[in-house]
Amino acid sequence: MTPAHKLTYYQQLITHYREMIFRVSRIYAAGDAEFMDDLFQEISIALWESLENYQGRSQESTWVWNVAQKKARYCLRKRKVEEKHFQRGLPEEAYDTPTEGDRSEDIEELYGAIAQLDPDDQLLVTLRLDEKSYREISAQTGIAEGVLRTRYSRIVQQLRQIMTGTQLTQ
């Protein structure tokens, strides 16, 4: 791949998958705007660095998703180790850097509820927000479609309970 072709392709990837990268960054940042921006940059760099390794064996969106998820998890683990080492806590102020399409309070409330979920559940919700089918999510995550449907139903129920402030009943 020539440098010019690589740059053009990279710019197209970032433009096309900007919202996906933003959502992954937002979920892993858990309310820290500065960390979210850092994650977005780190994921963008990781995409650039791994661009020549993409061979088209999977869908482009699957590849971008996997790069973003792996890089975000790595950065989160690294951050936790650094915080432990330096004995720093997470900032207490909530962040609010929505995109133009995410300006409503309901969306902010939803993302706040999503942030309270288990990280794996957060990623499943994000994939559904990206309007991925259960088949596509199954291909990306390796989780059977039936299991995904059941798990997603439980996640939606949990989100409703978080947003309404009711307790989980089992």
Protein backbone atom coordinates (compact mmCIF):
# COMPACT_ATOMS: atom_id res chain seq x y z
CA MET A 1 0.00 0.00 0.00
CA THR A 2 1.48 3.32 -1.02
CA PRO A 3 1.72 6.05 1.63
CA ALA A 4 -0.82 8.19 -0.25
CA HIS A 5 -3.28 5.29 -0.55
CA LYS A 6 -2.78 4.41 3.12
CA LEU A 7 -3.51 7.99 4.19
CA THR A 8 -6.61 8.24 2.00
CA TYR A 9 -7.94 4.90 3.24
CA TYR A 10 -7.22 5.86 6.85
CA GLN A 11 -9.07 9.16 6.48
CA GLN A 12 -12.06 7.33 5.02
CA LEU A 13 -12.03 4.83 7.90
CA ILE A 14 -11.92 7.54 10.56
CA THR A 15 -14.71 9.48 8.84
CA HIS A 16 -16.93 6.42 8.36
CA TYR A 17 -16.38 4.87 11.81
CA ARG A 18 -16.04 8.07 13.86
CA GLU A 19 -19.27 7.43 15.81
CA MET A 20 -18.29 3.83 16.58
CA ILE A 21 -14.88 4.93 17.86
CA PHE A 22 -16.53 7.72 19.84
CA ARG A 23 -18.96 5.29 21.48
CA VAL A 24 -16.22 2.85 22.45
CA SER A 25 -14.16 5.73 23.85
CA ARG A 26 -17.14 7.08 25.73
CA ILE A 27 -17.99 3.75 27.33
CA TYR A 28 -14.47 3.02 28.49
CA ALA A 29 -13.90 6.59 29.68
CA ALA A 30 -16.81 6.25 32.12
CA GLY A 31 -17.37 9.96 32.55
CA ASP A 32 -13.87 11.33 32.10
CA ALA A 33 -13.81 13.67 29.08
CA GLU A 34 -10.02 13.94 28.96
CA PHE A 35 -9.61 10.15 29.04
CA MET A 36 -12.29 9.81 26.36
CA ASP A 37 -10.38 12.16 24.07
CA ASP A 38 -7.17 10.25 24.79
CA LEU A 39 -8.89 6.96 23.98
CA PHE A 40 -10.22 8.31 20.72
CA GLN A 41 -6.69 9.37 19.75
CA GLU A 42 -5.15 6.08 20.88
CA ILE A 43 -7.70 4.09 18.89
CA SER A 44 -7.10 6.28 15.84
CA ILE A 45 -3.36 5.67 16.13
CA ALA A 46 -3.90 1.94 16.57
CA LEU A 47 -5.99 1.88 13.39
CA TRP A 48 -3.24 3.69 11.50
CA GLU A 49 -0.57 1.33 12.80
CA SER A 50 -2.55 -1.81 12.00
CA LEU A 51 -3.92 -0.63 8.66
CA GLU A 52 -1.45 -2.60 6.59
CA ASN A 53 -2.26 -5.76 8.54
CA TYR A 54 -5.95 -5.69 7.59
CA GLN A 55 -6.39 -8.35 4.96
CA GLY A 56 -10.13 -8.26 4.42
CA ARG A 57 -10.81 -11.63 6.05
CA SER A 58 -13.53 -10.04 8.17
CA GLN A 59 -15.83 -7.14 7.57
CA GLU A 60 -14.15 -3.78 7.83
CA SER A 61 -16.51 -2.76 10.65
CA THR A 62 -15.59 -5.91 12.59
CA TRP A 63 -11.91 -5.16 12.21
CA VAL A 64 -12.33 -1.52 13.30
CA TRP A 65 -14.49 -2.63 16.23
CA ASN A 66 -11.91 -5.18 17.37
CA VAL A 67 -9.02 -2.73 17.10
CA ALA A 68 -11.02 -0.10 19.02
CA GLN A 69 -12.13 -2.50 21.74
CA LYS A 70 -8.68 -4.03 22.26
CA LYS A 71 -6.97 -0.65 22.38
CA ALA A 72 -9.58 0.77 24.78
CA ARG A 73 -9.23 -2.22 27.11
CA TYR A 74 -5.46 -1.94 27.01
CA CYS A 75 -5.58 1.79 27.80
CA LEU A 76 -8.06 1.23 30.62
CA ARG A 77 -5.87 -1.48 32.20
CA LYS A 78 -2.80 0.71 31.82
CA ARG A 79 -4.63 3.64 33.39
CA LYS A 80 -5.76 1.56 36.35
CA VAL A 81 -2.21 0.41 36.99
CA GLU A 82 -0.95 3.98 36.77
CA GLU A 83 -3.66 5.24 39.10
CA LYS A 84 -2.84 2.53 41.59
CA HIS A 85 0.84 3.30 41.30
CA PHE A 86 0.36 7.03 41.77
CA GLN A 87 -2.60 6.61 44.11
CA ARG A 88 -4.80 8.93 42.06
CA GLY A 89 -8.58 8.75 41.89
CA LEU A 90 -10.83 9.32 38.93
CA PRO A 91 -12.09 12.86 38.52
CA GLU A 92 -15.44 13.42 40.18
CA GLU A 93 -16.90 15.81 37.67
CA ALA A 94 -19.10 14.26 35.03
CA TYR A 95 -18.14 14.85 31.46
CA ASP A 96 -20.46 16.05 28.76
CA THR A 97 -19.06 16.17 25.24
CA PRO A 98 -21.92 14.93 23.10
CA THR A 99 -21.88 14.89 19.33
CA GLU A 100 -24.50 16.87 17.44
CA GLY A 101 -26.83 13.86 17.35
CA ASP A 102 -26.45 13.16 21.06
CA ARG A 103 -27.59 16.49 22.53
CA SER A 104 -30.73 15.39 24.32
CA GLU A 105 -30.86 14.73 28.04
CA ASP A 106 -32.39 11.31 27.38
CA ILE A 107 -29.31 10.23 25.46
CA GLU A 108 -27.08 11.47 28.24
CA GLU A 109 -29.17 9.59 30.78
CA LEU A 110 -28.95 6.46 28.65
CA TYR A 111 -25.16 6.71 28.41
CA GLY A 112 -25.01 7.24 32.17
CA ALA A 113 -27.00 4.05 32.67
CA ILE A 114 -24.84 2.17 30.15
CA ALA A 115 -21.74 3.26 32.08
CA GLN A 116 -23.09 1.37 35.11
CA LEU A 117 -23.19 -1.92 33.21
CA ASP A 118 -20.48 -4.55 33.06
CA PRO A 119 -17.94 -3.58 30.33
CA ASP A 120 -18.87 -6.58 28.16
CA ASP A 121 -22.55 -5.63 28.38
CA GLN A 122 -21.64 -2.04 27.55
CA LEU A 123 -20.00 -3.22 24.35
CA LEU A 124 -23.02 -5.31 23.35
CA VAL A 125 -25.30 -2.31 23.85
CA THR A 126 -22.93 -0.17 21.81
CA LEU A 127 -23.04 -2.62 18.95
CA ARG A 128 -26.84 -2.53 19.00
CA LEU A 129 -26.72 1.29 19.09
CA ASP A 130 -24.60 1.03 15.95
CA GLU A 131 -27.61 -0.81 14.49
CA LYS A 132 -25.77 -4.10 14.13
CA SER A 133 -27.91 -7.20 13.70
CA TYR A 134 -27.62 -10.09 16.13
CA ARG A 135 -25.93 -12.04 13.32
CA GLU A 136 -23.27 -9.34 12.91
CA ILE A 137 -22.75 -9.05 16.66
CA SER A 138 -22.45 -12.83 16.89
CA ALA A 139 -19.79 -12.81 14.18
CA GLN A 140 -17.87 -10.02 15.94
CA THR A 141 -18.06 -11.40 19.47
CA GLY A 142 -18.27 -15.16 18.94
CA ILE A 143 -21.41 -15.35 21.11
CA ALA A 144 -24.28 -17.43 19.69
CA GLU A 145 -27.24 -15.42 18.38
CA GLY A 146 -29.73 -17.02 20.79
CA VAL A 147 -27.49 -16.27 23.74
CA LEU A 148 -27.09 -12.69 22.50
CA ARG A 149 -30.84 -12.17 22.26
CA THR A 150 -31.38 -13.43 25.80
CA ARG A 151 -28.45 -11.46 27.15
CA TYR A 152 -29.56 -8.30 25.36
CA SER A 153 -33.08 -8.64 26.78
CA ARG A 154 -31.61 -8.84 30.26
CA ILE A 155 -29.36 -5.85 29.58
CA VAL A 156 -32.33 -3.78 28.38
CA GLN A 157 -34.27 -4.74 31.51
CA GLN A 158 -31.29 -3.75 33.65
CA LEU A 159 -30.98 -0.41 31.83
CA ARG A 160 -34.68 0.31 32.39
CA GLN A 161 -34.27 -0.42 36.08
CA ILE A 162 -31.19 1.77 36.34
CA MET A 163 -32.92 4.64 34.56
CA THR A 164 -36.11 4.39 36.61
CA GLY A 165 -34.26 3.82 39.86
CA THR A 166 -36.01 0.55 40.64
CA GLN A 167 -34.30 -2.43 42.23
CA LEU A 168 -33.54 -5.63 40.34
CA THR A 169 -35.86 -8.48 41.29
CA GLN A 170 -34.75 -12.07 40.94
